[in-house]
Amino acid sequence: MTTPRQPAYEPDPEFVPTDQLVRQQGVRPIASPEALPHDDPFESEQEYEDFLADLYRSRRADVA
């Protein structure tokens, strides 16, 4: 039995490692969770419920 030959790995020429992106963009860790925005992305309770219903429906679409 022989082992199949693997094709040579060629990295994507546009790939940039995460640590390099962090340095380029000057990203810094957040000091605490309180530093995150607290804005509610949904305008109403109904919009939130519609979002969840659609999310659950899309997750179960591949199960059926």
PDB file of N, CA and C in Angstrom:
ATOM      1  N   MET A   1       0.852  -1.180   0.000  1.00  0.00           N
ATOM      2  CA  MET A   1       0.000   0.000   0.000  1.00  0.00           C
ATOM      3  C   MET A   1       0.896   1.241   0.000  1.00  0.00           C
ATOM      4  N   THR A   2       0.515   2.217  -0.772  1.00  0.00           N
ATOM      5  CA  THR A   2       1.287   3.451  -0.829  1.00  0.00           C
ATOM      6  C   THR A   2       0.467   4.598  -0.261  1.00  0.00           C
ATOM      7  N   THR A   3       1.161   5.567   0.243  1.00  0.00           N
ATOM      8  CA  THR A   3       0.515   6.763   0.786  1.00  0.00           C
ATOM      9  C   THR A   3       0.369   7.772  -0.339  1.00  0.00           C
ATOM     10  N   PRO A   4      -0.846   8.320  -0.511  1.00  0.00           N
ATOM     11  CA  PRO A   4      -1.012   9.309  -1.579  1.00  0.00           C
ATOM     12  C   PRO A   4      -0.169  10.549  -1.298  1.00  0.00           C
ATOM     13  N   ARG A   5       0.311  11.139  -2.339  1.00  0.00           N
ATOM     14  CA  ARG A   5       1.126  12.351  -2.209  1.00  0.00           C
ATOM     15  C   ARG A   5       0.208  13.548  -1.969  1.00  0.00           C
ATOM     16  N   GLN A   6       0.606  14.379  -1.042  1.00  0.00           N
ATOM     17  CA  GLN A   6      -0.146  15.586  -0.734  1.00  0.00           C
ATOM     18  C   GLN A   6       0.344  16.716  -1.638  1.00  0.00           C
ATOM     19  N   PRO A   7      -0.569  17.531  -2.129  1.00  0.00           N
ATOM     20  CA  PRO A   7      -0.113  18.667  -2.933  1.00  0.00           C
ATOM     21  C   PRO A   7       0.692  19.645  -2.070  1.00  0.00           C
ATOM     22  N   ALA A   8       1.594  20.346  -2.679  1.00  0.00           N
ATOM     23  CA  ALA A   8       2.410  21.321  -1.950  1.00  0.00           C
ATOM     24  C   ALA A   8       1.515  22.412  -1.381  1.00  0.00           C
ATOM     25  N   TYR A   9       1.785  22.800  -0.145  1.00  0.00           N
ATOM     26  CA  TYR A   9       1.005  23.855   0.509  1.00  0.00           C
ATOM     27  C   TYR A   9       1.449  25.200  -0.036  1.00  0.00           C
ATOM     28  N   GLU A  10       0.490  25.971  -0.514  1.00  0.00           N
ATOM     29  CA  GLU A  10       0.770  27.318  -0.991  1.00  0.00           C
ATOM     30  C   GLU A  10      -0.143  28.283  -0.246  1.00  0.00           C
ATOM     31  N   PRO A  11       0.427  29.071   0.665  1.00  0.00           N
ATOM     32  CA  PRO A  11      -0.417  30.004   1.420  1.00  0.00           C
ATOM     33  C   PRO A  11      -1.036  31.060   0.517  1.00  0.00           C
ATOM     34  N   ASP A  12      -2.188  31.529   0.926  1.00  0.00           N
ATOM     35  CA  ASP A  12      -2.876  32.596   0.203  1.00  0.00           C
ATOM     36  C   ASP A  12      -1.985  33.841   0.229  1.00  0.00           C
ATOM     37  N   PRO A  13      -1.681  34.420  -0.925  1.00  0.00           N
ATOM     38  CA  PRO A  13      -0.786  35.583  -0.941  1.00  0.00           C
ATOM     39  C   PRO A  13      -1.354  36.794  -0.203  1.00  0.00           C
ATOM     40  N   GLU A  14      -2.672  36.833   0.016  1.00  0.00           N
ATOM     41  CA  GLU A  14      -3.282  37.960   0.720  1.00  0.00           C
ATOM     42  C   GLU A  14      -3.446  37.712   2.217  1.00  0.00           C
ATOM     43  N   PHE A  15      -3.048  36.521   2.686  1.00  0.00           N
ATOM     44  CA  PHE A  15      -3.179  36.178   4.102  1.00  0.00           C
ATOM     45  C   PHE A  15      -2.262  37.051   4.953  1.00  0.00           C
ATOM     46  N   VAL A  16      -2.819  37.598   6.038  1.00  0.00           N
ATOM     47  CA  VAL A  16      -2.038  38.392   6.989  1.00  0.00           C
ATOM     48  C   VAL A  16      -2.281  37.784   8.369  1.00  0.00           C
ATOM     49  N   PRO A  17      -1.227  37.367   9.072  1.00  0.00           N
ATOM     50  CA  PRO A  17      -1.415  36.782  10.409  1.00  0.00           C
ATOM     51  C   PRO A  17      -2.107  37.756  11.361  1.00  0.00           C
ATOM     52  N   THR A  18      -2.860  37.206  12.287  1.00  0.00           N
ATOM     53  CA  THR A  18      -3.634  38.013  13.230  1.00  0.00           C
ATOM     54  C   THR A  18      -2.748  38.973  14.013  1.00  0.00           C
ATOM     55  N   ASP A  19      -1.617  38.491  14.520  1.00  0.00           N
ATOM     56  CA  ASP A  19      -0.761  39.386  15.310  1.00  0.00           C
ATOM     57  C   ASP A  19      -0.251  40.566  14.476  1.00  0.00           C
ATOM     58  N   GLN A  20      -0.020  40.351  13.198  1.00  0.00           N
ATOM     59  CA  GLN A  20       0.401  41.450  12.335  1.00  0.00           C
ATOM     60  C   GLN A  20      -0.747  42.447  12.113  1.00  0.00           C
ATOM     61  N   LEU A  21      -1.977  41.937  11.939  1.00  0.00           N
ATOM     62  CA  LEU A  21      -3.134  42.818  11.798  1.00  0.00           C
ATOM     63  C   LEU A  21      -3.331  43.673  13.045  1.00  0.00           C
ATOM     64  N   VAL A  22      -3.151  43.052  14.204  1.00  0.00           N
ATOM     65  CA  VAL A  22      -3.301  43.779  15.473  1.00  0.00           C
ATOM     66  C   VAL A  22      -2.314  44.932  15.529  1.00  0.00           C
ATOM     67  N   ARG A  23      -1.064  44.661  15.171  1.00  0.00           N
ATOM     68  CA  ARG A  23      -0.057  45.734  15.183  1.00  0.00           C
ATOM     69  C   ARG A  23      -0.390  46.829  14.164  1.00  0.00           C
ATOM     70  N   GLN A  24      -0.791  46.422  12.953  1.00  0.00           N
ATOM     71  CA  GLN A  24      -1.098  47.395  11.905  1.00  0.00           C
ATOM     72  C   GLN A  24      -2.264  48.304  12.276  1.00  0.00           C
ATOM     73  N   GLN A  25      -3.276  47.713  12.929  1.00  0.00           N
ATOM     74  CA  GLN A  25      -4.490  48.465  13.225  1.00  0.00           C
ATOM     75  C   GLN A  25      -4.468  49.131  14.595  1.00  0.00           C
ATOM     76  N   GLY A  26      -3.443  48.852  15.383  1.00  0.00           N
ATOM     77  CA  GLY A  26      -3.342  49.469  16.699  1.00  0.00           C
ATOM     78  C   GLY A  26      -4.426  49.018  17.657  1.00  0.00           C
ATOM     79  N   VAL A  27      -4.899  47.794  17.500  1.00  0.00           N
ATOM     80  CA  VAL A  27      -5.967  47.263  18.351  1.00  0.00           C
ATOM     81  C   VAL A  27      -5.423  47.025  19.755  1.00  0.00           C
ATOM     82  N   ARG A  28      -6.224  47.356  20.751  1.00  0.00           N
ATOM     83  CA  ARG A  28      -5.852  47.144  22.155  1.00  0.00           C
ATOM     84  C   ARG A  28      -6.962  46.367  22.842  1.00  0.00           C
ATOM     85  N   PRO A  29      -6.619  45.551  23.834  1.00  0.00           N
ATOM     86  CA  PRO A  29      -7.665  44.823  24.562  1.00  0.00           C
ATOM     87  C   PRO A  29      -8.552  45.801  25.342  1.00  0.00           C
ATOM     88  N   ILE A  30      -9.801  45.398  25.552  1.00  0.00           N
ATOM     89  CA  ILE A  30     -10.690  46.250  26.346  1.00  0.00           C
ATOM     90  C   ILE A  30     -10.298  46.146  27.813  1.00  0.00           C
ATOM     91  N   ALA A  31     -10.484  47.217  28.542  1.00  0.00           N
ATOM     92  CA  ALA A  31     -10.108  47.248  29.951  1.00  0.00           C
ATOM     93  C   ALA A  31     -11.070  46.417  30.800  1.00  0.00           C
ATOM     94  N   SER A  32     -12.357  46.442  30.445  1.00  0.00           N
ATOM     95  CA  SER A  32     -13.354  45.682  31.192  1.00  0.00           C
ATOM     96  C   SER A  32     -14.593  45.524  30.313  1.00  0.00           C
ATOM     97  N   PRO A  33     -15.477  44.599  30.651  1.00  0.00           N
ATOM     98  CA  PRO A  33     -16.702  44.447  29.865  1.00  0.00           C
ATOM     99  C   PRO A  33     -17.560  45.711  29.847  1.00  0.00           C
ATOM    100  N   GLU A  34     -17.427  46.547  30.854  1.00  0.00           N
ATOM    101  CA  GLU A  34     -18.195  47.786  30.895  1.00  0.00           C
ATOM    102  C   GLU A  34     -17.782  48.736  29.764  1.00  0.00           C
ATOM    103  N   ALA A  35     -16.616  48.514  29.173  1.00  0.00           N
ATOM    104  CA  ALA A  35     -16.149  49.366  28.080  1.00  0.00           C
ATOM    105  C   ALA A  35     -16.880  49.065  26.765  1.00  0.00           C
ATOM    106  N   LEU A  36     -17.604  47.958  26.714  1.00  0.00           N
ATOM    107  CA  LEU A  36     -18.342  47.601  25.506  1.00  0.00           C
ATOM    108  C   LEU A  36     -19.610  48.436  25.398  1.00  0.00           C
ATOM    109  N   PRO A  37     -20.062  48.703  24.173  1.00  0.00           N
ATOM    110  CA  PRO A  37     -21.297  49.482  24.010  1.00  0.00           C
ATOM    111  C   PRO A  37     -22.502  48.735  24.593  1.00  0.00           C
ATOM    112  N   HIS A  38     -23.429  49.480  25.138  1.00  0.00           N
ATOM    113  CA  HIS A  38     -24.611  48.888  25.757  1.00  0.00           C
ATOM    114  C   HIS A  38     -25.870  49.142  24.957  1.00  0.00           C
ATOM    115  N   ASP A  39     -25.728  49.639  23.742  1.00  0.00           N
ATOM    116  CA  ASP A  39     -26.899  49.935  22.924  1.00  0.00           C
ATOM    117  C   ASP A  39     -27.628  48.647  22.565  1.00  0.00           C
ATOM    118  N   ASP A  40     -28.939  48.671  22.624  1.00  0.00           N
ATOM    119  CA  ASP A  40     -29.754  47.531  22.244  1.00  0.00           C
ATOM    120  C   ASP A  40     -29.875  47.525  20.720  1.00  0.00           C
ATOM    121  N   PRO A  41     -29.444  46.436  20.065  1.00  0.00           N
ATOM    122  CA  PRO A  41     -29.486  46.413  18.604  1.00  0.00           C
ATOM    123  C   PRO A  41     -30.901  46.269  18.035  1.00  0.00           C
ATOM    124  N   PHE A  42     -31.872  45.950  18.880  1.00  0.00           N
ATOM    125  CA  PHE A  42     -33.241  45.753  18.416  1.00  0.00           C
ATOM    126  C   PHE A  42     -34.112  46.926  18.843  1.00  0.00           C
ATOM    127  N   GLU A  43     -34.954  47.366  17.924  1.00  0.00           N
ATOM    128  CA  GLU A  43     -35.795  48.524  18.209  1.00  0.00           C
ATOM    129  C   GLU A  43     -37.005  48.178  19.069  1.00  0.00           C
ATOM    130  N   SER A  44     -37.382  46.883  19.077  1.00  0.00           N
ATOM    131  CA  SER A  44     -38.541  46.492  19.874  1.00  0.00           C
ATOM    132  C   SER A  44     -38.397  45.034  20.302  1.00  0.00           C
ATOM    133  N   GLU A  45     -39.233  44.648  21.252  1.00  0.00           N
ATOM    134  CA  GLU A  45     -39.257  43.258  21.712  1.00  0.00           C
ATOM    135  C   GLU A  45     -39.687  42.335  20.573  1.00  0.00           C
ATOM    136  N   GLN A  46     -40.612  42.796  19.738  1.00  0.00           N
ATOM    137  CA  GLN A  46     -41.084  41.999  18.605  1.00  0.00           C
ATOM    138  C   GLN A  46     -39.952  41.760  17.602  1.00  0.00           C
ATOM    139  N   GLU A  47     -39.160  42.772  17.335  1.00  0.00           N
ATOM    140  CA  GLU A  47     -38.030  42.618  16.409  1.00  0.00           C
ATOM    141  C   GLU A  47     -37.042  41.585  16.954  1.00  0.00           C
ATOM    142  N   TYR A  48     -36.796  41.596  18.258  1.00  0.00           N
ATOM    143  CA  TYR A  48     -35.913  40.628  18.907  1.00  0.00           C
ATOM    144  C   TYR A  48     -36.489  39.215  18.779  1.00  0.00           C
ATOM    145  N   GLU A  49     -37.777  39.052  19.048  1.00  0.00           N
ATOM    146  CA  GLU A  49     -38.415  37.734  18.947  1.00  0.00           C
ATOM    147  C   GLU A  49     -38.401  37.225  17.505  1.00  0.00           C
ATOM    148  N   ASP A  50     -38.610  38.110  16.535  1.00  0.00           N
ATOM    149  CA  ASP A  50     -38.548  37.718  15.123  1.00  0.00           C
ATOM    150  C   ASP A  50     -37.140  37.255  14.748  1.00  0.00           C
ATOM    151  N   PHE A  51     -36.140  37.956  15.258  1.00  0.00           N
ATOM    152  CA  PHE A  51     -34.750  37.579  15.001  1.00  0.00           C
ATOM    153  C   PHE A  51     -34.475  36.178  15.550  1.00  0.00           C
ATOM    154  N   LEU A  52     -34.867  35.931  16.800  1.00  0.00           N
ATOM    155  CA  LEU A  52     -34.638  34.614  17.404  1.00  0.00           C
ATOM    156  C   LEU A  52     -35.366  33.518  16.652  1.00  0.00           C
ATOM    157  N   ALA A  53     -36.604  33.766  16.264  1.00  0.00           N
ATOM    158  CA  ALA A  53     -37.375  32.764  15.519  1.00  0.00           C
ATOM    159  C   ALA A  53     -36.676  32.425  14.200  1.00  0.00           C
ATOM    160  N   ASP A  54     -36.195  33.445  13.503  1.00  0.00           N
ATOM    161  CA  ASP A  54     -35.482  33.218  12.247  1.00  0.00           C
ATOM    162  C   ASP A  54     -34.175  32.471  12.490  1.00  0.00           C
ATOM    163  N   LEU A  55     -33.475  32.816  13.548  1.00  0.00           N
ATOM    164  CA  LEU A  55     -32.222  32.146  13.890  1.00  0.00           C
ATOM    165  C   LEU A  55     -32.467  30.661  14.167  1.00  0.00           C
ATOM    166  N   TYR A  56     -33.445  30.353  15.004  1.00  0.00           N
ATOM    167  CA  TYR A  56     -33.745  28.957  15.329  1.00  0.00           C
ATOM    168  C   TYR A  56     -34.199  28.196  14.092  1.00  0.00           C
ATOM    169  N   ARG A  57     -34.999  28.826  13.252  1.00  0.00           N
ATOM    170  CA  ARG A  57     -35.462  28.203  12.032  1.00  0.00           C
ATOM    171  C   ARG A  57     -34.285  27.861  11.098  1.00  0.00           C
ATOM    172  N   SER A  58     -33.352  28.791  10.967  1.00  0.00           N
ATOM    173  CA  SER A  58     -32.206  28.557  10.074  1.00  0.00           C
ATOM    174  C   SER A  58     -31.299  27.470  10.633  1.00  0.00           C
ATOM    175  N   ARG A  59     -31.178  27.372  11.951  1.00  0.00           N
ATOM    176  CA  ARG A  59     -30.338  26.318  12.548  1.00  0.00           C
ATOM    177  C   ARG A  59     -30.944  24.940  12.377  1.00  0.00           C
ATOM    178  N   ARG A  60     -32.275  24.861  12.339  1.00  0.00           N
ATOM    179  CA  ARG A  60     -32.940  23.569  12.176  1.00  0.00           C
ATOM    180  C   ARG A  60     -33.157  23.205  10.716  1.00  0.00           C
ATOM    181  N   ALA A  61     -32.877  24.102   9.801  1.00  0.00           N
ATOM    182  CA  ALA A  61     -33.134  23.846   8.366  1.00  0.00           C
ATOM    183  C   ALA A  61     -32.333  22.666   7.852  1.00  0.00           C
ATOM    184  N   ASP A  62     -31.109  22.488   8.323  1.00  0.00           N
ATOM    185  CA  ASP A  62     -30.264  21.394   7.853  1.00  0.00           C
ATOM    186  C   ASP A  62     -30.574  20.080   8.555  1.00  0.00           C
ATOM    187  N   VAL A  63     -31.306  20.129   9.649  1.00  0.00           N
ATOM    188  CA  VAL A  63     -31.613  18.914  10.420  1.00  0.00           C
ATOM    189  C   VAL A  63     -32.724  18.117   9.758  1.00  0.00           C
ATOM    190  N   ALA A  64     -33.674  18.788   9.164  1.00  0.00           N
ATOM    191  CA  ALA A  64     -34.834  18.119   8.589  1.00  0.00           C
ATOM    192  C   ALA A  64     -34.525  17.351   7.333  1.00  0.00           C
TER     193      ALA A  64
END
